[in-house]
């Protein structure tokens, strides 16, 4: 996706710089950065194929 997840918000907890074993749960909010404008579309396609 060329995106890097920089934080995951789970309920009221913000996990900054999550490692490779961090779990993403339903209703979590992902914060990510990417290389270009198409990164958002690729991330959406990854989670919602």
Protein backbone atom coordinates (compact mmCIF):
# COMPACT_ATOMS: atom_id res chain seq x y z
CA UNK A 1 0.00 0.00 0.00
CA UNK A 2 3.05 2.26 0.49
CA UNK A 3 1.45 3.41 3.75
CA UNK A 4 3.03 3.40 7.19
CA UNK A 5 0.71 3.16 10.18
CA UNK A 6 1.89 5.72 12.72
CA UNK A 7 -0.85 5.24 15.34
CA UNK A 8 -3.92 3.18 16.18
CA UNK A 9 -6.72 4.60 18.31
CA UNK A 10 -8.63 1.87 20.16
CA UNK A 11 -11.54 3.26 22.19
CA UNK A 12 -9.85 6.01 24.24
CA UNK A 13 -6.30 4.61 23.98
CA UNK A 14 -3.84 5.90 21.38
CA UNK A 15 -1.04 3.49 20.49
CA UNK A 16 1.70 5.54 18.83
CA UNK A 17 4.23 3.81 16.58
CA UNK A 18 2.61 0.37 16.77
CA UNK A 19 4.89 -2.57 16.15
CA UNK A 20 4.40 -5.39 13.65
CA UNK A 21 2.35 -7.43 16.12
CA UNK A 22 -0.20 -4.71 16.94
CA UNK A 23 -3.77 -5.85 16.42
CA UNK A 24 -6.37 -3.81 14.58
CA UNK A 25 -9.91 -4.22 15.90
CA UNK A 26 -13.30 -3.27 14.55
CA UNK A 27 -13.97 0.48 15.00
CA UNK A 28 -10.29 1.32 15.56
CA UNK A 29 -9.00 4.46 13.86
CA UNK A 30 -5.78 4.17 11.87
CA UNK A 31 -3.41 7.07 11.37
CA UNK A 32 -1.01 6.59 8.49
CA UNK A 33 1.31 8.43 6.14
CA UNK A 34 2.02 7.63 2.52
CA UNK A 35 4.18 8.54 -0.42
CA UNK A 36 1.59 10.02 -2.74
CA UNK A 37 -2.07 10.91 -3.16
CA UNK A 38 -3.06 7.38 -4.20
CA UNK A 39 -2.05 5.91 -0.82
CA UNK A 40 -5.53 6.45 0.65
CA UNK A 41 -7.13 4.50 -2.19
CA UNK A 42 -4.69 1.60 -1.78
CA UNK A 43 -5.30 1.46 1.99
CA UNK A 44 -9.07 1.42 1.42
CA UNK A 45 -8.68 -1.37 -1.14
CA UNK A 46 -6.56 -3.36 1.33
CA UNK A 47 -9.17 -3.23 4.10
CA UNK A 48 -12.25 -3.30 1.86
CA UNK A 49 -11.35 -5.40 -1.22
